[in-house]
Amino acid sequence: VFLHPSQHRLAYAPSYTGPALVTGAAGTGKTVVALHRAVYL
């Protein structure tokens, strides 16, 4: 559940103006970003 700085900026962005999409191949931490985003919200 660790976030790399590049992931941190996506998960903890103060706001997105609409739907946001994070893609990435296997093992790049997409699910971790999703978890952190849910907690932030």
All heavy atoms as atom14 arrays in JSON, in Angstrom:
{
  "sequence": "VFLHPSQHRLAYAPSYTGPALVTGAAGTGKTVVALHRAVYL",
  "atom14_mask": [
    [1, 1, 1, 1, 1, 1, 1, 0, 0, 0, 0, 0, 0, 0],
    [1, 1, 1, 1, 1, 1, 1, 1, 1, 1, 1, 0, 0, 0],
    [1, 1, 1, 1, 1, 1, 1, 1, 0, 0, 0, 0, 0, 0],
    [1, 1, 1, 1, 1, 1, 1, 1, 1, 1, 0, 0, 0, 0],
    [1, 1, 1, 1, 1, 1, 1, 0, 0, 0, 0, 0, 0, 0],
    [1, 1, 1, 1, 1, 1, 0, 0, 0, 0, 0, 0, 0, 0],
    [1, 1, 1, 1, 1, 1, 1, 1, 1, 0, 0, 0, 0, 0],
    [1, 1, 1, 1, 1, 1, 1, 1, 1, 1, 0, 0, 0, 0],
    [1, 1, 1, 1, 1, 1, 1, 1, 1, 1, 1, 0, 0, 0],
    [1, 1, 1, 1, 1, 1, 1, 1, 0, 0, 0, 0, 0, 0],
    [1, 1, 1, 1, 1, 0, 0, 0, 0, 0, 0, 0, 0, 0],
    [1, 1, 1, 1, 1, 1, 1, 1, 1, 1, 1, 1, 0, 0],
    [1, 1, 1, 1, 1, 0, 0, 0, 0, 0, 0, 0, 0, 0],
    [1, 1, 1, 1, 1, 1, 1, 0, 0, 0, 0, 0, 0, 0],
    [1, 1, 1, 1, 1, 1, 0, 0, 0, 0, 0, 0, 0, 0],
    [1, 1, 1, 1, 1, 1, 1, 1, 1, 1, 1, 1, 0, 0],
    [1, 1, 1, 1, 1, 1, 1, 0, 0, 0, 0, 0, 0, 0],
    [1, 1, 1, 1, 0, 0, 0, 0, 0, 0, 0, 0, 0, 0],
    [1, 1, 1, 1, 1, 1, 1, 0, 0, 0, 0, 0, 0, 0],
    [1, 1, 1, 1, 1, 0, 0, 0, 0, 0, 0, 0, 0, 0],
    [1, 1, 1, 1, 1, 1, 1, 1, 0, 0, 0, 0, 0, 0],
    [1, 1, 1, 1, 1, 1, 1, 0, 0, 0, 0, 0, 0, 0],
    [1, 1, 1, 1, 1, 1, 1, 0, 0, 0, 0, 0, 0, 0],
    [1, 1, 1, 1, 0, 0, 0, 0, 0, 0, 0, 0, 0, 0],
    [1, 1, 1, 1, 1, 0, 0, 0, 0, 0, 0, 0, 0, 0],
    [1, 1, 1, 1, 1, 0, 0, 0, 0, 0, 0, 0, 0, 0],
    [1, 1, 1, 1, 0, 0, 0, 0, 0, 0, 0, 0, 0, 0],
    [1, 1, 1, 1, 1, 1, 1, 0, 0, 0, 0, 0, 0, 0],
    [1, 1, 1, 1, 0, 0, 0, 0, 0, 0, 0, 0, 0, 0],
    [1, 1, 1, 1, 1, 1, 1, 1, 1, 0, 0, 0, 0, 0],
    [1, 1, 1, 1, 1, 1, 1, 0, 0, 0, 0, 0, 0, 0],
    [1, 1, 1, 1, 1, 1, 1, 0, 0, 0, 0, 0, 0, 0],
    [1, 1, 1, 1, 1, 1, 1, 0, 0, 0, 0, 0, 0, 0],
    [1, 1, 1, 1, 1, 0, 0, 0, 0, 0, 0, 0, 0, 0],
    [1, 1, 1, 1, 1, 1, 1, 1, 0, 0, 0, 0, 0, 0],
    [1, 1, 1, 1, 1, 1, 1, 1, 1, 1, 0, 0, 0, 0],
    [1, 1, 1, 1, 1, 1, 1, 1, 1, 1, 1, 0, 0, 0],
    [1, 1, 1, 1, 1, 0, 0, 0, 0, 0, 0, 0, 0, 0],
    [1, 1, 1, 1, 1, 1, 1, 0, 0, 0, 0, 0, 0, 0],
    [1, 1, 1, 1, 1, 1, 1, 1, 1, 1, 1, 1, 0, 0],
    [1, 1, 1, 1, 1, 1, 1, 1, 0, 0, 0, 0, 0, 0]
  ],
  "atom14_positions": [
    [[0.83, -1.2, 0.0], [0.0, 0.0, 0.0], [0.87, 1.26, 0.0], [0.4, 2.35, 0.27], [-0.97, 0.02, 1.2], [-2.01, -1.08, 1.05], [-0.21, -0.16, 2.52], [0.0, 0.0, 0.0], [0.0, 0.0, 0.0], [0.0, 0.0, 0.0], [0.0, 0.0, 0.0], [0.0, 0.0, 0.0], [0.0, 0.0, 0.0], [0.0, 0.0, 0.0]],
    [[2.16, 1.1, -0.32], [3.07, 2.23, -0.43], [2.82, 2.98, -1.74], [2.5, 2.38, -2.75], [4.51, 1.71, -0.39], [5.52, 2.69, -0.91], [6.05, 3.66, -0.07], [5.94, 2.64, -2.22], [6.98, 4.56, -0.55], [6.87, 3.54, -2.71], [7.39, 4.5, -1.86], [0.0, 0.0, 0.0], [0.0, 0.0, 0.0], [0.0, 0.0, 0.0]],
    [[2.98, 4.3, -1.69], [2.8, 5.12, -2.89], [4.12, 5.75, -3.31], [4.79, 6.4, -2.51], [1.79, 6.24, -2.64], [0.31, 5.88, -2.67], [-0.52, 7.14, -2.47], [-0.07, 5.23, -3.98], [0.0, 0.0, 0.0], [0.0, 0.0, 0.0], [0.0, 0.0, 0.0], [0.0, 0.0, 0.0], [0.0, 0.0, 0.0], [0.0, 0.0, 0.0]],
    [[4.49, 5.55, -4.56], [5.57, 6.28, -5.19], [5.09, 7.73, -5.39], [3.89, 7.97, -5.51], [5.88, 5.62, -6.54], [6.94, 6.31, -7.33], [6.68, 7.34, -8.2], [8.29, 6.12, -7.38], [7.8, 7.75, -8.76], [8.79, 7.02, -8.28], [0.0, 0.0, 0.0], [0.0, 0.0, 0.0], [0.0, 0.0, 0.0], [0.0, 0.0, 0.0]],
    [[6.01, 8.72, -5.39], [5.56, 10.11, -5.57], [4.65, 10.33, -6.77], [3.68, 11.09, -6.7], [6.89, 10.87, -5.73], [7.86, 10.06, -4.92], [7.45, 8.63, -5.1], [0.0, 0.0, 0.0], [0.0, 0.0, 0.0], [0.0, 0.0, 0.0], [0.0, 0.0, 0.0], [0.0, 0.0, 0.0], [0.0, 0.0, 0.0], [0.0, 0.0, 0.0]],
    [[4.93, 9.66, -7.89], [4.08, 9.84, -9.07], [2.67, 9.31, -8.82], [1.68, 9.85, -9.32], [4.69, 9.13, -10.29], [4.78, 7.74, -10.06], [0.0, 0.0, 0.0], [0.0, 0.0, 0.0], [0.0, 0.0, 0.0], [0.0, 0.0, 0.0], [0.0, 0.0, 0.0], [0.0, 0.0, 0.0], [0.0, 0.0, 0.0], [0.0, 0.0, 0.0]],
    [[2.57, 8.23, -8.02], [1.26, 7.69, -7.66], [0.56, 8.58, -6.64], [-0.65, 8.76, -6.67], [1.41, 6.27, -7.11], [2.03, 5.28, -8.07], [2.45, 4.01, -7.37], [2.7, 4.0, -6.17], [2.56, 2.93, -8.12], [0.0, 0.0, 0.0], [0.0, 0.0, 0.0], [0.0, 0.0, 0.0], [0.0, 0.0, 0.0], [0.0, 0.0, 0.0]],
    [[1.35, 9.12, -5.71], [0.8, 9.97, -4.66], [0.06, 11.17, -5.25], [-1.01, 11.55, -4.79], [1.93, 10.44, -3.74], [1.47, 11.13, -2.49], [1.09, 12.46, -2.48], [1.29, 10.67, -1.22], [0.72, 12.79, -1.25], [0.83, 11.73, -0.47], [0.0, 0.0, 0.0], [0.0, 0.0, 0.0], [0.0, 0.0, 0.0], [0.0, 0.0, 0.0]],
    [[0.62, 11.76, -6.28], [-0.01, 12.94, -6.88], [-1.35, 12.59, -7.51], [-2.25, 13.43, -7.54], [0.93, 13.56, -7.92], [2.13, 14.25, -7.3], [2.89, 15.06, -8.32], [3.68, 14.23, -9.2], [4.89, 13.76, -8.9], [5.43, 14.02, -7.74], [5.57, 13.03, -9.77], [0.0, 0.0, 0.0], [0.0, 0.0, 0.0], [0.0, 0.0, 0.0]],
    [[-1.49, 11.36, -8.01], [-2.76, 10.94, -8.6], [-3.79, 10.65, -7.51], [-4.95, 11.03, -7.62], [-2.55, 9.71, -9.47], [-1.58, 9.85, -10.64], [-1.42, 8.52, -11.35], [-2.07, 10.91, -11.61], [0.0, 0.0, 0.0], [0.0, 0.0, 0.0], [0.0, 0.0, 0.0], [0.0, 0.0, 0.0], [0.0, 0.0, 0.0], [0.0, 0.0, 0.0]],
    [[-3.36, 9.96, -6.46], [-4.29, 9.54, -5.41], [-4.75, 10.7, -4.54], [-5.89, 10.71, -4.07], [-3.64, 8.46, -4.54], [0.0, 0.0, 0.0], [0.0, 0.0, 0.0], [0.0, 0.0, 0.0], [0.0, 0.0, 0.0], [0.0, 0.0, 0.0], [0.0, 0.0, 0.0], [0.0, 0.0, 0.0], [0.0, 0.0, 0.0], [0.0, 0.0, 0.0]],
    [[-3.88, 11.68, -4.33], [-4.18, 12.76, -3.39], [-4.35, 14.11, -4.08], [-4.25, 15.15, -3.43], [-3.11, 12.83, -2.31], [-3.2, 11.66, -1.35], [-2.46, 10.5, -1.56], [-4.07, 11.7, -0.27], [-2.57, 9.41, -0.71], [-4.19, 10.61, 0.59], [-3.43, 9.48, 0.36], [-3.55, 8.41, 1.21], [0.0, 0.0, 0.0], [0.0, 0.0, 0.0]],
    [[-4.63, 14.1, -5.37], [-4.97, 15.36, -6.04], [-6.21, 15.94, -5.36], [-7.18, 15.22, -5.12], [-5.25, 15.11, -7.51], [0.0, 0.0, 0.0], [0.0, 0.0, 0.0], [0.0, 0.0, 0.0], [0.0, 0.0, 0.0], [0.0, 0.0, 0.0], [0.0, 0.0, 0.0], [0.0, 0.0, 0.0], [0.0, 0.0, 0.0], [0.0, 0.0, 0.0]],
    [[-6.2, 17.23, -5.02], [-7.35, 17.81, -4.3], [-8.68, 17.57, -5.0], [-9.69, 17.31, -4.35], [-7.0, 19.3, -4.24], [-5.51, 19.33, -4.27], [-5.11, 18.21, -5.18], [0.0, 0.0, 0.0], [0.0, 0.0, 0.0], [0.0, 0.0, 0.0], [0.0, 0.0, 0.0], [0.0, 0.0, 0.0], [0.0, 0.0, 0.0], [0.0, 0.0, 0.0]],
    [[-8.67, 17.62, -6.34], [-9.93, 17.4, -7.04], [-9.69, 17.16, -8.52], [-8.71, 17.65, -9.1], [-10.84, 18.63, -6.88], [-12.11, 18.39, -7.45], [0.0, 0.0, 0.0], [0.0, 0.0, 0.0], [0.0, 0.0, 0.0], [0.0, 0.0, 0.0], [0.0, 0.0, 0.0], [0.0, 0.0, 0.0], [0.0, 0.0, 0.0], [0.0, 0.0, 0.0]],
    [[-10.58, 16.38, -9.12], [-10.64, 16.23, -10.58], [-11.98, 16.8, -11.03], [-13.01, 16.59, -10.37], [-10.55, 14.75, -10.98], [-9.2, 14.11, -10.68], [-9.01, 13.37, -9.52], [-8.14, 14.24, -11.57], [-7.78, 12.78, -9.24], [-6.9, 13.65, -11.3], [-6.74, 12.92, -10.13], [-5.53, 12.33, -9.85], [0.0, 0.0, 0.0], [0.0, 0.0, 0.0]],
    [[-11.98, 17.46, -12.16], [-13.2, 18.14, -12.6], [-14.26, 17.19, -13.12], [-15.39, 17.61, -13.4], [-12.87, 19.18, -13.69], [-12.2, 18.53, -14.77], [-11.98, 20.28, -13.13], [0.0, 0.0, 0.0], [0.0, 0.0, 0.0], [0.0, 0.0, 0.0], [0.0, 0.0, 0.0], [0.0, 0.0, 0.0], [0.0, 0.0, 0.0], [0.0, 0.0, 0.0]],
    [[-13.92, 15.93, -13.26], [-14.88, 14.92, -13.72], [-14.25, 13.56, -13.58], [-13.31, 13.38, -12.79], [0.0, 0.0, 0.0], [0.0, 0.0, 0.0], [0.0, 0.0, 0.0], [0.0, 0.0, 0.0], [0.0, 0.0, 0.0], [0.0, 0.0, 0.0], [0.0, 0.0, 0.0], [0.0, 0.0, 0.0], [0.0, 0.0, 0.0], [0.0, 0.0, 0.0]],
    [[-14.73, 12.55, -14.31], [-14.14, 11.22, -14.22], [-12.64, 11.25, -14.53], [-12.2, 11.95, -15.45], [-14.91, 10.42, -15.27], [-16.22, 11.13, -15.41], [-15.89, 12.59, -15.23], [0.0, 0.0, 0.0], [0.0, 0.0, 0.0], [0.0, 0.0, 0.0], [0.0, 0.0, 0.0], [0.0, 0.0, 0.0], [0.0, 0.0, 0.0], [0.0, 0.0, 0.0]],
    [[-11.86, 10.5, -13.76], [-10.41, 10.41, -13.97], [-10.04, 8.96, -14.18], [-10.65, 8.05, -13.61], [-9.66, 10.99, -12.77], [0.0, 0.0, 0.0], [0.0, 0.0, 0.0], [0.0, 0.0, 0.0], [0.0, 0.0, 0.0], [0.0, 0.0, 0.0], [0.0, 0.0, 0.0], [0.0, 0.0, 0.0], [0.0, 0.0, 0.0], [0.0, 0.0, 0.0]],
    [[-9.03, 8.73, -15.03], [-8.6, 7.38, -15.38], [-7.11, 7.22, -15.14], [-6.31, 8.05, -15.59], [-8.92, 7.1, -16.85], [-8.36, 5.79, -17.45], [-9.0, 4.57, -16.79], [-8.57, 5.76, -18.97], [0.0, 0.0, 0.0], [0.0, 0.0, 0.0], [0.0, 0.0, 0.0], [0.0, 0.0, 0.0], [0.0, 0.0, 0.0], [0.0, 0.0, 0.0]],
    [[-6.73, 6.15, -14.44], [-5.33, 5.78, -14.27], [-5.13, 4.41, -14.89], [-5.78, 3.43, -14.49], [-4.93, 5.74, -12.78], [-3.49, 5.26, -12.63], [-5.1, 7.12, -12.14], [0.0, 0.0, 0.0], [0.0, 0.0, 0.0], [0.0, 0.0, 0.0], [0.0, 0.0, 0.0], [0.0, 0.0, 0.0], [0.0, 0.0, 0.0], [0.0, 0.0, 0.0]],
    [[-4.28, 4.34, -15.9], [-3.97, 3.06, -16.53], [-2.52, 2.68, -16.21], [-1.73, 3.49, -15.73], [-4.17, 3.11, -18.05], [-3.26, 4.09, -18.61], [-5.59, 3.47, -18.4], [0.0, 0.0, 0.0], [0.0, 0.0, 0.0], [0.0, 0.0, 0.0], [0.0, 0.0, 0.0], [0.0, 0.0, 0.0], [0.0, 0.0, 0.0], [0.0, 0.0, 0.0]],
    [[-2.18, 1.47, -16.51], [-0.83, 1.0, -16.27], [-0.8, -0.51, -16.34], [-1.79, -1.17, -15.99], [0.0, 0.0, 0.0], [0.0, 0.0, 0.0], [0.0, 0.0, 0.0], [0.0, 0.0, 0.0], [0.0, 0.0, 0.0], [0.0, 0.0, 0.0], [0.0, 0.0, 0.0], [0.0, 0.0, 0.0], [0.0, 0.0, 0.0], [0.0, 0.0, 0.0]],
    [[0.3, -1.05, -16.78], [0.42, -2.5, -16.91], [0.5, -3.15, -15.54], [0.54, -2.49, -14.51], [1.63, -2.85, -17.77], [0.0, 0.0, 0.0], [0.0, 0.0, 0.0], [0.0, 0.0, 0.0], [0.0, 0.0, 0.0], [0.0, 0.0, 0.0], [0.0, 0.0, 0.0], [0.0, 0.0, 0.0], [0.0, 0.0, 0.0], [0.0, 0.0, 0.0]],
    [[0.53, -4.47, -15.54], [0.5, -5.24, -14.3], [1.64, -4.84, -13.37], [2.78, -4.69, -13.79], [0.61, -6.73, -14.63], [0.0, 0.0, 0.0], [0.0, 0.0, 0.0], [0.0, 0.0, 0.0], [0.0, 0.0, 0.0], [0.0, 0.0, 0.0], [0.0, 0.0, 0.0], [0.0, 0.0, 0.0], [0.0, 0.0, 0.0], [0.0, 0.0, 0.0]],
    [[1.29, -4.65, -12.08], [2.3, -4.38, -11.07], [2.73, -2.94, -10.94], [3.66, -2.63, -10.2], [0.0, 0.0, 0.0], [0.0, 0.0, 0.0], [0.0, 0.0, 0.0], [0.0, 0.0, 0.0], [0.0, 0.0, 0.0], [0.0, 0.0, 0.0], [0.0, 0.0, 0.0], [0.0, 0.0, 0.0], [0.0, 0.0, 0.0], [0.0, 0.0, 0.0]],
    [[2.07, -2.02, -11.65], [2.46, -0.61, -11.57], [1.79, 0.14, -10.43], [2.0, 1.33, -10.27], [2.16, 0.11, -12.9], [0.79, -0.11, -13.26], [3.05, -0.4, -14.02], [0.0, 0.0, 0.0], [0.0, 0.0, 0.0], [0.0, 0.0, 0.0], [0.0, 0.0, 0.0], [0.0, 0.0, 0.0], [0.0, 0.0, 0.0], [0.0, 0.0, 0.0]],
    [[0.96, -0.54, -9.65], [0.4, 0.1, -8.46], [-0.94, 0.76, -8.65], [-1.33, 1.61, -7.85], [0.0, 0.0, 0.0], [0.0, 0.0, 0.0], [0.0, 0.0, 0.0], [0.0, 0.0, 0.0], [0.0, 0.0, 0.0], [0.0, 0.0, 0.0], [0.0, 0.0, 0.0], [0.0, 0.0, 0.0], [0.0, 0.0, 0.0], [0.0, 0.0, 0.0]],
    [[-1.69, 0.38, -9.68], [-2.99, 1.01, -9.93], [-3.94, 0.78, -8.75], [-4.64, 1.7, -8.32], [-3.61, 0.44, -11.21], [-2.77, 0.61, -12.45], [-3.45, 0.0, -13.67], [-3.67, -1.49, -13.55], [-2.41, -2.26, -13.4], [0.0, 0.0, 0.0], [0.0, 0.0, 0.0], [0.0, 0.0, 0.0], [0.0, 0.0, 0.0], [0.0, 0.0, 0.0]],
    [[-3.98, -0.46, -8.26], [-4.9, -0.76, -7.16], [-4.52, 0.01, -5.9], [-5.39, 0.47, -5.16], [-4.9, -2.27, -6.88], [-5.4, -2.95, -8.04], [-5.78, -2.62, -5.7], [0.0, 0.0, 0.0], [0.0, 0.0, 0.0], [0.0, 0.0, 0.0], [0.0, 0.0, 0.0], [0.0, 0.0, 0.0], [0.0, 0.0, 0.0], [0.0, 0.0, 0.0]],
    [[-3.22, 0.17, -5.65], [-2.77, 0.94, -4.5], [-3.24, 2.39, -4.62], [-3.7, 3.0, -3.65], [-1.24, 0.88, -4.36], [-0.76, 1.7, -3.18], [-0.78, -0.56, -4.2], [0.0, 0.0, 0.0], [0.0, 0.0, 0.0], [0.0, 0.0, 0.0], [0.0, 0.0, 0.0], [0.0, 0.0, 0.0], [0.0, 0.0, 0.0], [0.0, 0.0, 0.0]],
    [[-3.14, 2.95, -5.82], [-3.63, 4.31, -6.06], [-5.13, 4.38, -5.77], [-5.62, 5.32, -5.14], [-3.33, 4.75, -7.51], [-4.04, 6.07, -7.84], [-1.83, 4.91, -7.71], [0.0, 0.0, 0.0], [0.0, 0.0, 0.0], [0.0, 0.0, 0.0], [0.0, 0.0, 0.0], [0.0, 0.0, 0.0], [0.0, 0.0, 0.0], [0.0, 0.0, 0.0]],
    [[-5.88, 3.37, -6.22], [-7.32, 3.35, -5.99], [-7.64, 3.32, -4.5], [-8.54, 4.02, -4.02], [-7.95, 2.15, -6.69], [0.0, 0.0, 0.0], [0.0, 0.0, 0.0], [0.0, 0.0, 0.0], [0.0, 0.0, 0.0], [0.0, 0.0, 0.0], [0.0, 0.0, 0.0], [0.0, 0.0, 0.0], [0.0, 0.0, 0.0], [0.0, 0.0, 0.0]],
    [[-6.91, 2.5, -3.75], [-7.14, 2.41, -2.3], [-6.91, 3.76, -1.63], [-7.72, 4.22, -0.81], [-6.21, 1.36, -1.7], [-6.52, -0.1, -2.03], [-5.35, -0.99, -1.63], [-7.79, -0.55, -1.32], [0.0, 0.0, 0.0], [0.0, 0.0, 0.0], [0.0, 0.0, 0.0], [0.0, 0.0, 0.0], [0.0, 0.0, 0.0], [0.0, 0.0, 0.0]],
    [[-5.79, 4.39, -1.96], [-5.48, 5.69, -1.35], [-6.5, 6.75, -1.75], [-6.87, 7.61, -0.95], [-4.08, 6.14, -1.75], [-2.99, 5.5, -0.95], [-2.47, 6.07, 0.19], [-2.33, 4.32, -1.12], [-1.52, 5.28, 0.68], [-1.41, 4.22, -0.09], [0.0, 0.0, 0.0], [0.0, 0.0, 0.0], [0.0, 0.0, 0.0], [0.0, 0.0, 0.0]],
    [[-6.95, 6.7, -3.0], [-7.95, 7.69, -3.44], [-9.24, 7.52, -2.66], [-9.87, 8.51, -2.26], [-8.22, 7.54, -4.94], [-9.11, 8.66, -5.53], [-8.43, 9.99, -5.43], [-9.26, 11.11, -5.88], [-8.92, 12.39, -5.73], [-7.77, 12.7, -5.14], [-9.71, 13.35, -6.14], [0.0, 0.0, 0.0], [0.0, 0.0, 0.0], [0.0, 0.0, 0.0]],
    [[-9.66, 6.28, -2.44], [-10.88, 6.04, -1.67], [-10.75, 6.59, -0.26], [-11.68, 7.22, 0.28], [-11.19, 4.55, -1.64], [0.0, 0.0, 0.0], [0.0, 0.0, 0.0], [0.0, 0.0, 0.0], [0.0, 0.0, 0.0], [0.0, 0.0, 0.0], [0.0, 0.0, 0.0], [0.0, 0.0, 0.0], [0.0, 0.0, 0.0], [0.0, 0.0, 0.0]],
    [[-9.6, 6.39, 0.37], [-9.37, 6.9, 1.72], [-9.38, 8.43, 1.72], [-9.98, 9.06, 2.6], [-8.04, 6.36, 2.28], [-7.63, 7.11, 3.55], [-8.17, 4.88, 2.59], [0.0, 0.0, 0.0], [0.0, 0.0, 0.0], [0.0, 0.0, 0.0], [0.0, 0.0, 0.0], [0.0, 0.0, 0.0], [0.0, 0.0, 0.0], [0.0, 0.0, 0.0]],
    [[-8.71, 9.03, 0.74], [-8.68, 10.49, 0.66], [-10.09, 11.07, 0.53], [-10.46, 12.02, 1.23], [-7.83, 10.93, -0.54], [-7.94, 12.42, -0.83], [-7.23, 13.34, -0.07], [-8.76, 12.88, -1.86], [-7.34, 14.7, -0.32], [-8.87, 14.24, -2.12], [-8.16, 15.14, -1.35], [-8.28, 16.49, -1.6], [0.0, 0.0, 0.0], [0.0, 0.0, 0.0]],
    [[-10.91, 10.49, -0.33], [-12.27, 10.99, -0.52], [-13.12, 10.76, 0.73], [-13.93, 11.62, 1.1], [-12.91, 10.29, -1.73], [-12.29, 10.62, -3.09], [-12.84, 9.68, -4.17], [-12.53, 12.07, -3.47], [0.0, 0.0, 0.0], [0.0, 0.0, 0.0], [0.0, 0.0, 0.0], [0.0, 0.0, 0.0], [0.0, 0.0, 0.0], [0.0, 0.0, 0.0]]
  ]
}
